[in-house]
Amino acid sequence: MWLVLETLYTDGHGEVIHKLATRLAWVVAGDSLEARERCFKAAKAAYEARSDIVHGKNRKSQNENTDGFKVAFQFAMRSLERILCDKELFDVFTHPDDSIRGFFRRLDLGVWQPNPEP
């Protein structure tokens, strides 16, 4: 699930979790600041659990690991649903790299605008 999310929300350059959580929160939670904050925090916590497992620091219980997987699965499903059902998002995610890079840059700066006016 994290591979899906990383593929959707990152460009492979630094600060993966921060970028992923910020961009995911905008796409999944939208305009509500409270909803974006909850989404951002949940994504970061679940990604940290993933990192612990991947890097051999699995000190969490089986239930906590399962919860992290469930969170990642829900985020991946909600992300794909939003992208596939919203024409503007679909266009951004299926066009050349410049479109997605500009979109990510706007999200990173706190601006929700899938397709800005020229």
Protein backbone atom coordinates (compact mmCIF):
# COMPACT_ATOMS: atom_id res chain seq x y z
CA MET A 1 0.00 0.00 0.00
CA TRP A 2 2.84 2.37 0.76
CA LEU A 3 4.30 1.76 -2.68
CA VAL A 4 0.98 2.89 -4.17
CA LEU A 5 0.97 6.01 -2.01
CA GLU A 6 4.62 6.82 -2.64
CA THR A 7 4.08 6.42 -6.38
CA LEU A 8 1.08 8.75 -6.31
CA TYR A 9 2.45 11.46 -4.03
CA THR A 10 6.24 11.62 -4.28
CA ASP A 11 8.80 12.35 -6.94
CA GLY A 12 11.65 10.41 -5.32
CA HIS A 13 13.45 13.45 -3.95
CA GLY A 14 13.90 13.89 -0.16
CA GLU A 15 11.48 14.25 2.74
CA VAL A 16 9.29 11.44 1.47
CA ILE A 17 7.00 11.16 4.49
CA HIS A 18 6.41 14.88 4.89
CA LYS A 19 5.63 15.35 1.20
CA LEU A 20 3.49 12.22 1.07
CA ALA A 21 1.50 13.16 4.19
CA THR A 22 0.97 16.76 3.06
CA ARG A 23 -0.12 15.88 -0.46
CA LEU A 24 -2.23 12.94 0.68
CA ALA A 25 -4.02 15.14 3.20
CA TRP A 26 -4.94 17.69 0.51
CA VAL A 27 -6.24 15.07 -1.94
CA VAL A 28 -8.05 12.86 0.58
CA ALA A 29 -9.29 15.44 3.11
CA GLY A 30 -9.66 18.51 0.89
CA ASP A 31 -10.42 21.99 2.17
CA SER A 32 -11.08 21.24 5.84
CA LEU A 33 -8.00 22.18 7.87
CA GLU A 34 -9.01 19.88 10.75
CA ALA A 35 -9.55 16.94 8.41
CA ARG A 36 -6.20 17.60 6.69
CA GLU A 37 -4.42 17.75 10.07
CA ARG A 38 -5.96 14.42 11.15
CA CYS A 39 -5.07 12.83 7.82
CA PHE A 40 -1.52 14.25 7.92
CA LYS A 41 -0.90 12.95 11.46
CA ALA A 42 -2.40 9.52 10.71
CA ALA A 43 -0.32 9.17 7.54
CA LYS A 44 2.90 10.11 9.34
CA ALA A 45 2.22 7.70 12.22
CA ALA A 46 1.34 4.83 9.87
CA TYR A 47 4.39 5.53 7.69
CA GLU A 48 6.64 5.50 10.76
CA ALA A 49 5.22 2.07 11.68
CA ARG A 50 5.99 0.93 8.12
CA SER A 51 9.54 2.30 8.40
CA ASP A 52 10.10 0.48 11.69
CA ILE A 53 9.17 -2.82 10.05
CA VAL A 54 11.21 -2.19 6.89
CA HIS A 55 14.30 -1.15 8.87
CA GLY A 56 14.04 -3.97 11.41
CA LYS A 57 12.92 -1.86 14.35
CA ASN A 58 9.64 -3.68 14.80
CA ARG A 59 8.97 -2.92 18.48
CA LYS A 60 5.25 -2.48 17.96
CA SER A 61 2.64 -5.08 18.71
CA GLN A 62 0.99 -7.07 15.92
CA ASN A 63 -2.19 -4.98 16.42
CA GLU A 64 -0.31 -1.70 15.88
CA ASN A 65 1.28 -3.08 12.71
CA THR A 66 -2.11 -4.26 11.46
CA ASP A 67 -3.58 -0.83 12.21
CA GLY A 68 -0.81 0.80 10.18
CA PHE A 69 -1.60 -1.48 7.26
CA LYS A 70 -5.31 -0.67 7.53
CA VAL A 71 -4.58 3.07 7.54
CA ALA A 72 -2.34 2.72 4.47
CA PHE A 73 -4.98 0.63 2.69
CA GLN A 74 -7.72 3.16 3.45
CA PHE A 75 -5.54 6.05 2.27
CA ALA A 76 -4.63 4.23 -0.95
CA MET A 77 -8.27 3.38 -1.69
CA ARG A 78 -9.52 6.90 -0.88
CA SER A 79 -6.74 8.43 -2.98
CA LEU A 80 -7.51 6.27 -6.00
CA GLU A 81 -11.23 6.92 -5.63
CA ARG A 82 -10.69 10.70 -5.52
CA ILE A 83 -8.31 10.66 -8.48
CA LEU A 84 -10.49 8.41 -10.62
CA CYS A 85 -13.75 10.23 -9.83
CA ASP A 86 -12.53 13.84 -10.07
CA LYS A 87 -11.82 14.90 -13.67
CA GLU A 88 -9.39 17.66 -12.64
CA LEU A 89 -7.39 15.32 -10.41
CA PHE A 90 -7.51 12.57 -13.03
CA ASP A 91 -6.10 15.00 -15.61
CA VAL A 92 -3.29 16.07 -13.28
CA PHE A 93 -2.27 12.52 -12.40
CA THR A 94 -2.41 11.24 -15.99
CA HIS A 95 -0.62 14.08 -17.80
CA PRO A 96 3.10 14.68 -18.29
CA ASP A 97 5.46 15.21 -15.38
CA ASP A 98 5.28 19.01 -15.50
CA SER A 99 1.58 18.91 -14.61
CA ILE A 100 2.08 16.74 -11.52
CA ARG A 101 5.19 18.62 -10.40
CA GLY A 102 3.34 21.94 -10.54
CA PHE A 103 0.40 20.41 -8.70
CA PHE A 104 2.70 19.03 -5.97
CA ARG A 105 4.47 22.38 -5.66
CA ARG A 106 1.12 24.14 -5.12
CA LEU A 107 0.05 21.54 -2.53
CA ASP A 108 3.39 21.87 -0.72
CA LEU A 109 2.80 25.64 -0.57
CA GLY A 110 -0.72 25.14 0.80
CA VAL A 111 -2.68 25.92 -2.35
CA TRP A 112 -5.37 23.56 -3.60
CA GLN A 113 -5.65 24.15 -7.32
CA PRO A 114 -5.52 21.06 -9.53
CA ASN A 115 -5.56 22.97 -12.82
CA PRO A 116 -4.64 26.64 -12.42
CA GLU A 117 -5.78 29.19 -14.93
CA PRO A 118 -3.06 30.08 -17.48
